N, C-alpha and C. Protein backbone atom coordinates (compact mmCIF):
# COMPACT_ATOMS: atom_id res chain seq x y z
N MET A 1 0.87 -1.11 -0.15
CA MET A 1 0.11 0.19 0.11
C MET A 1 0.76 1.32 -0.02
N SER A 2 0.65 2.22 -0.84
CA SER A 2 1.28 3.51 -0.88
C SER A 2 1.19 4.46 0.39
N ALA A 3 1.80 5.32 0.33
CA ALA A 3 1.78 6.36 1.55
C ALA A 3 0.75 7.19 1.08
N PRO A 4 -0.27 7.86 2.16
CA PRO A 4 -1.19 8.57 1.67
C PRO A 4 -0.94 9.86 1.08
N LYS A 5 -1.77 10.49 0.35
CA LYS A 5 -1.32 11.91 -0.24
C LYS A 5 -1.56 12.83 1.04
N ILE A 6 -0.66 13.70 0.87
CA ILE A 6 -0.70 14.75 2.18
C ILE A 6 -1.08 16.14 1.42
N PHE A 7 -2.19 16.84 2.12
CA PHE A 7 -2.69 18.00 1.64
C PHE A 7 -2.54 19.22 2.72
N SER A 8 -2.24 20.25 2.44
CA SER A 8 -2.27 21.60 3.33
C SER A 8 -3.89 22.06 3.62
N PHE A 9 -4.02 22.68 4.71
CA PHE A 9 -5.24 23.10 4.96
C PHE A 9 -5.77 24.14 3.62
N ASP A 10 -4.51 24.86 3.37
CA ASP A 10 -4.72 25.76 2.10
C ASP A 10 -5.46 25.05 1.06
N GLU A 11 -4.59 23.89 0.64
CA GLU A 11 -5.22 23.32 -0.52
C GLU A 11 -6.58 22.86 -0.25
N VAL A 12 -6.93 22.05 0.95
CA VAL A 12 -8.32 21.58 1.32
C VAL A 12 -9.39 22.88 1.21
N SER A 13 -8.74 24.22 1.64
CA SER A 13 -9.69 25.28 1.26
C SER A 13 -10.26 25.99 0.30
N LYS A 14 -9.43 25.33 -0.70
CA LYS A 14 -9.80 25.68 -2.21
C LYS A 14 -11.01 24.82 -2.73
N HIS A 15 -11.47 23.74 -1.99
CA HIS A 15 -12.38 22.88 -2.64
C HIS A 15 -13.61 22.96 -1.38
N SER A 16 -14.43 23.78 -1.92
CA SER A 16 -15.69 24.15 -1.06
C SER A 16 -16.85 24.44 -1.77
N SER A 17 -17.13 23.90 -2.84
CA SER A 17 -18.32 24.19 -3.71
C SER A 17 -19.09 22.85 -3.89
N LYS A 18 -20.32 23.02 -4.55
CA LYS A 18 -21.01 21.98 -4.61
C LYS A 18 -20.49 20.96 -5.82
N THR A 19 -19.52 21.68 -6.66
CA THR A 19 -19.16 20.66 -7.73
C THR A 19 -17.59 20.12 -7.31
N ASP A 20 -17.38 20.52 -6.14
CA ASP A 20 -15.68 20.17 -5.62
C ASP A 20 -15.88 20.46 -4.13
N CYS A 21 -16.17 19.35 -3.29
CA CYS A 21 -16.24 19.40 -1.77
C CYS A 21 -15.28 18.56 -1.13
N TRP A 22 -14.22 19.24 -0.41
CA TRP A 22 -13.42 18.35 0.33
C TRP A 22 -13.70 18.89 1.95
N MET A 23 -13.40 18.25 2.76
CA MET A 23 -13.36 18.42 4.27
C MET A 23 -12.38 17.54 4.98
N VAL A 24 -12.00 18.02 6.07
CA VAL A 24 -11.14 17.38 6.92
C VAL A 24 -11.90 16.61 8.29
N VAL A 25 -11.78 15.45 8.56
CA VAL A 25 -12.35 14.93 9.74
C VAL A 25 -11.21 14.01 10.36
N HIS A 26 -10.86 14.20 11.68
CA HIS A 26 -9.80 13.78 12.41
C HIS A 26 -8.47 13.61 11.45
N GLY A 27 -8.05 14.63 10.81
CA GLY A 27 -6.90 14.89 10.16
C GLY A 27 -6.63 14.18 8.89
N LYS A 28 -7.78 13.32 8.44
CA LYS A 28 -8.09 12.83 7.09
C LYS A 28 -8.69 13.89 6.23
N VAL A 29 -8.34 13.81 4.92
CA VAL A 29 -8.92 14.68 3.72
C VAL A 29 -10.04 13.74 3.20
N TYR A 30 -11.01 14.20 3.04
CA TYR A 30 -12.33 13.38 2.45
C TYR A 30 -12.88 14.46 1.17
N ASP A 31 -12.86 13.74 -0.02
CA ASP A 31 -13.58 14.49 -1.14
C ASP A 31 -15.17 13.87 -1.12
N VAL A 32 -16.13 14.73 -0.56
CA VAL A 32 -17.47 14.28 -0.46
C VAL A 32 -18.17 14.82 -1.54
N THR A 33 -17.73 15.28 -2.59
CA THR A 33 -18.63 15.83 -3.71
C THR A 33 -19.69 14.91 -3.99
N ALA A 34 -19.19 13.65 -4.31
CA ALA A 34 -20.15 12.75 -5.04
C ALA A 34 -21.24 12.19 -3.83
N PHE A 35 -21.17 12.52 -2.54
CA PHE A 35 -21.98 12.25 -1.52
C PHE A 35 -23.10 13.23 -0.99
N LEU A 36 -22.61 14.63 -1.77
CA LEU A 36 -23.70 15.74 -1.34
C LEU A 36 -25.02 15.35 -1.28
N GLU A 37 -25.49 15.05 -2.21
CA GLU A 37 -26.98 14.83 -2.69
C GLU A 37 -27.66 13.54 -1.84
N GLU A 38 -26.75 12.90 -1.52
CA GLU A 38 -27.12 11.49 -0.64
C GLU A 38 -27.18 11.86 0.72
N HIS A 39 -26.51 12.93 1.43
CA HIS A 39 -26.33 13.28 2.73
C HIS A 39 -27.58 13.29 3.21
N PRO A 40 -28.15 12.33 4.42
CA PRO A 40 -29.52 12.55 4.99
C PRO A 40 -29.55 13.77 5.56
N GLY A 41 -28.65 14.54 6.05
CA GLY A 41 -29.01 16.01 6.53
C GLY A 41 -29.27 17.06 5.73
N GLY A 42 -28.89 16.57 4.19
CA GLY A 42 -29.02 17.58 3.23
C GLY A 42 -27.62 18.19 2.68
N GLU A 43 -27.56 18.67 1.55
CA GLU A 43 -26.28 19.14 1.10
C GLU A 43 -25.56 20.32 1.81
N GLU A 44 -26.80 21.14 1.88
CA GLU A 44 -26.43 22.38 2.66
C GLU A 44 -25.45 22.54 3.82
N VAL A 45 -25.91 21.31 4.69
CA VAL A 45 -24.94 21.08 6.00
C VAL A 45 -23.45 20.78 5.46
N MET A 46 -23.37 19.68 4.40
CA MET A 46 -22.08 19.41 4.16
C MET A 46 -21.30 20.63 3.34
N LEU A 47 -22.01 21.56 2.80
CA LEU A 47 -21.30 22.62 1.97
C LEU A 47 -20.79 23.47 3.07
N GLU A 48 -21.36 23.75 3.98
CA GLU A 48 -21.01 24.50 5.24
C GLU A 48 -19.68 24.29 5.96
N GLN A 49 -19.28 23.13 5.75
CA GLN A 49 -18.14 22.46 6.22
C GLN A 49 -17.06 22.21 5.02
N GLY A 50 -17.47 22.63 3.85
CA GLY A 50 -16.68 22.28 2.78
C GLY A 50 -15.29 23.18 2.71
N GLY A 51 -14.33 22.59 2.45
CA GLY A 51 -13.11 23.09 2.55
C GLY A 51 -12.43 23.75 4.06
N LYS A 52 -13.23 22.91 5.11
CA LYS A 52 -12.68 22.97 6.45
C LYS A 52 -12.39 22.01 7.23
N ASP A 53 -11.88 21.95 8.59
CA ASP A 53 -12.00 20.78 9.52
C ASP A 53 -13.37 20.90 9.92
N ALA A 54 -13.82 19.71 9.50
CA ALA A 54 -15.32 19.34 9.89
C ALA A 54 -15.39 18.49 11.11
N THR A 55 -14.23 18.36 11.71
CA THR A 55 -14.23 17.20 12.84
C THR A 55 -15.40 17.53 14.12
N GLU A 56 -15.38 18.78 14.38
CA GLU A 56 -16.24 18.97 15.46
C GLU A 56 -17.45 19.00 15.04
N ALA A 57 -17.96 19.40 13.90
CA ALA A 57 -19.34 19.30 13.38
C ALA A 57 -19.81 17.95 13.34
N PHE A 58 -18.90 17.21 12.67
CA PHE A 58 -19.25 15.73 12.59
C PHE A 58 -19.32 14.91 13.96
N GLU A 59 -18.58 15.08 14.77
CA GLU A 59 -18.57 14.48 16.06
C GLU A 59 -19.80 15.11 17.20
N ASP A 60 -20.27 16.50 16.75
CA ASP A 60 -21.14 17.19 17.58
C ASP A 60 -22.60 16.37 17.19
N ILE A 61 -22.83 16.02 15.93
CA ILE A 61 -23.99 15.30 15.49
C ILE A 61 -24.25 13.87 16.06
N GLY A 62 -23.12 13.38 16.30
CA GLY A 62 -23.14 11.99 16.92
C GLY A 62 -23.37 10.80 15.68
N HIS A 63 -22.50 10.84 14.66
CA HIS A 63 -22.83 10.16 13.44
C HIS A 63 -22.64 8.60 13.78
N SER A 64 -23.26 7.60 13.15
CA SER A 64 -23.40 6.20 13.54
C SER A 64 -22.27 5.68 12.90
N GLU A 65 -22.08 4.39 13.25
CA GLU A 65 -20.74 3.72 12.89
C GLU A 65 -21.08 3.46 11.14
N SER A 66 -22.21 3.45 10.75
CA SER A 66 -22.57 3.33 9.34
C SER A 66 -22.12 4.64 8.57
N ALA A 67 -22.55 5.55 9.19
CA ALA A 67 -22.22 7.06 8.60
C ALA A 67 -20.52 7.06 8.67
N ARG A 68 -20.01 6.70 9.49
CA ARG A 68 -18.39 6.48 9.62
C ARG A 68 -17.89 5.68 8.27
N GLN A 69 -18.66 4.64 8.43
CA GLN A 69 -18.01 3.79 7.17
C GLN A 69 -18.20 4.07 5.93
N THR A 70 -19.17 4.77 5.82
CA THR A 70 -19.74 5.73 4.44
C THR A 70 -18.73 6.70 4.33
N LEU A 71 -18.38 7.49 5.08
CA LEU A 71 -17.37 8.59 5.05
C LEU A 71 -15.76 8.01 4.56
N ALA A 72 -15.56 7.08 5.34
CA ALA A 72 -14.21 6.27 4.75
C ALA A 72 -13.93 5.94 3.59
N LYS A 73 -15.19 5.73 2.72
CA LYS A 73 -15.47 5.57 1.21
C LYS A 73 -14.69 6.69 0.54
N TYR A 74 -14.73 7.97 1.05
CA TYR A 74 -14.19 9.10 0.35
C TYR A 74 -13.02 9.82 0.82
N ILE A 75 -12.07 8.94 1.44
CA ILE A 75 -10.89 9.61 1.96
C ILE A 75 -9.99 9.49 0.60
N ILE A 76 -9.26 10.51 0.58
CA ILE A 76 -8.26 10.99 -0.57
C ILE A 76 -6.92 11.22 0.11
N GLY A 77 -6.53 11.43 1.56
CA GLY A 77 -5.29 11.76 1.91
C GLY A 77 -5.43 12.21 3.40
N GLU A 78 -4.47 12.75 3.80
CA GLU A 78 -4.24 13.29 5.09
C GLU A 78 -3.79 14.68 4.96
N VAL A 79 -4.20 15.52 6.12
CA VAL A 79 -3.38 17.03 6.31
C VAL A 79 -2.23 17.01 6.76
N GLU A 80 -1.24 17.81 6.06
CA GLU A 80 -0.07 17.89 6.39
C GLU A 80 0.30 18.22 7.87
N ALA A 81 1.20 17.36 8.62
CA ALA A 81 1.52 17.98 9.91
C ALA A 81 1.88 19.37 9.99
N GLY A 82 1.46 19.86 10.90
CA GLY A 82 1.67 21.44 11.31
C GLY A 82 0.90 22.19 10.44
N SER A 83 0.13 22.00 9.56
CA SER A 83 -0.54 22.43 8.49
C SER A 83 -1.88 23.03 9.63
N LYS A 84 -2.20 24.30 9.33
CA LYS A 84 -3.35 24.74 10.19
C LYS A 84 -4.41 25.45 9.40
N PRO A 85 -5.53 25.32 9.96
CA PRO A 85 -6.88 25.88 9.15
C PRO A 85 -6.59 27.40 8.93
N ALA A 86 -7.29 28.00 7.97
CA ALA A 86 -7.31 29.44 7.78
C ALA A 86 -8.15 30.09 8.91
N PRO A 87 -7.77 30.93 9.55
CA PRO A 87 -8.55 31.80 10.40
C PRO A 87 -9.83 32.16 9.78
N PRO A 88 -11.07 32.13 10.73
CA PRO A 88 -12.30 32.63 10.16
C PRO A 88 -12.21 34.27 9.65
N PRO A 89 -13.00 34.58 8.52
CA PRO A 89 -12.80 35.91 8.03
C PRO A 89 -13.03 37.04 9.37
N LYS A 90 -12.48 38.04 9.36
CA LYS A 90 -12.91 38.83 10.36
C LYS A 90 -14.21 39.92 9.97
N LYS A 91 -14.86 40.14 10.96
CA LYS A 91 -16.18 40.88 10.57
C LYS A 91 -15.54 42.53 10.61
N ALA A 92 -16.39 43.05 9.55
CA ALA A 92 -15.98 44.43 9.27
C ALA A 92 -16.36 45.43 10.48
N ALA A 93 -15.50 46.04 10.94
CA ALA A 93 -15.49 46.83 12.10
C ALA A 93 -16.54 48.18 11.84
N SER A 94 -17.30 48.22 12.83
CA SER A 94 -18.27 49.38 12.69
C SER A 94 -17.89 50.43 13.56
N GLY A 95 -18.46 51.70 13.35
CA GLY A 95 -18.08 52.71 14.02
C GLY A 95 -16.57 53.15 14.42
N GLY A 96 -16.20 53.36 15.46
CA GLY A 96 -14.84 53.51 15.57
C GLY A 96 -14.27 55.16 14.80
N PHE A 97 -13.18 55.26 14.61
CA PHE A 97 -12.93 56.80 13.88
C PHE A 97 -13.58 56.80 12.44
N PHE A 98 -13.49 55.53 11.74
CA PHE A 98 -13.61 55.75 10.24
C PHE A 98 -15.09 55.66 10.34
N GLY A 99 -15.99 55.09 11.26
CA GLY A 99 -17.32 55.25 11.15
C GLY A 99 -18.03 56.58 11.37
N TRP A 100 -17.34 57.25 12.53
CA TRP A 100 -17.45 58.52 12.80
C TRP A 100 -17.22 59.38 11.64
N PHE A 101 -16.05 59.23 11.10
CA PHE A 101 -15.50 60.19 10.22
C PHE A 101 -16.42 60.03 8.94
N SER A 102 -17.17 59.00 8.48
CA SER A 102 -17.72 58.86 7.54
C SER A 102 -19.63 59.24 7.75
N GLY A 103 -19.59 59.79 8.96
CA GLY A 103 -20.81 60.12 9.44
C GLY A 103 -21.93 59.25 10.13
N SER A 104 -21.57 57.84 10.08
CA SER A 104 -22.24 57.14 10.80
C SER A 104 -21.65 56.97 12.33
N LYS A 105 -22.53 56.74 13.23
CA LYS A 105 -22.20 56.98 14.55
C LYS A 105 -22.89 55.60 15.30
C-alpha cells in the first residue's frame, strides 16, 4: 500500500463548492462531492463544512458507525503535519474613527 497523499489546509480550503467539496475529519481529507446529494441532513450542511476541518461538526452530530463507514469511502489523503486551518474571516469593524468620519455613529 502506498503512502497517503498529503494536503495542506490551504489546498483543502480551495475545495468548498457543490461541484468540488473536500473536508477534514480527524486529520484525514475526504472528497465528499459525490455524497452531497445523498447526505441525509442535506447538502447544505455538508457545504457549510466544505474546505474546512469538519471534525467538531461531525462529532457534535453523533454520527453512527454506518455513517463513519460511508465517510471512509471518500478518503483521499491526510492533512500535512503542522498545517493549520485558515482563521475565520474577520467581521468588518463598525463605528470607531472611520465610522465617525464617514458620518455614521
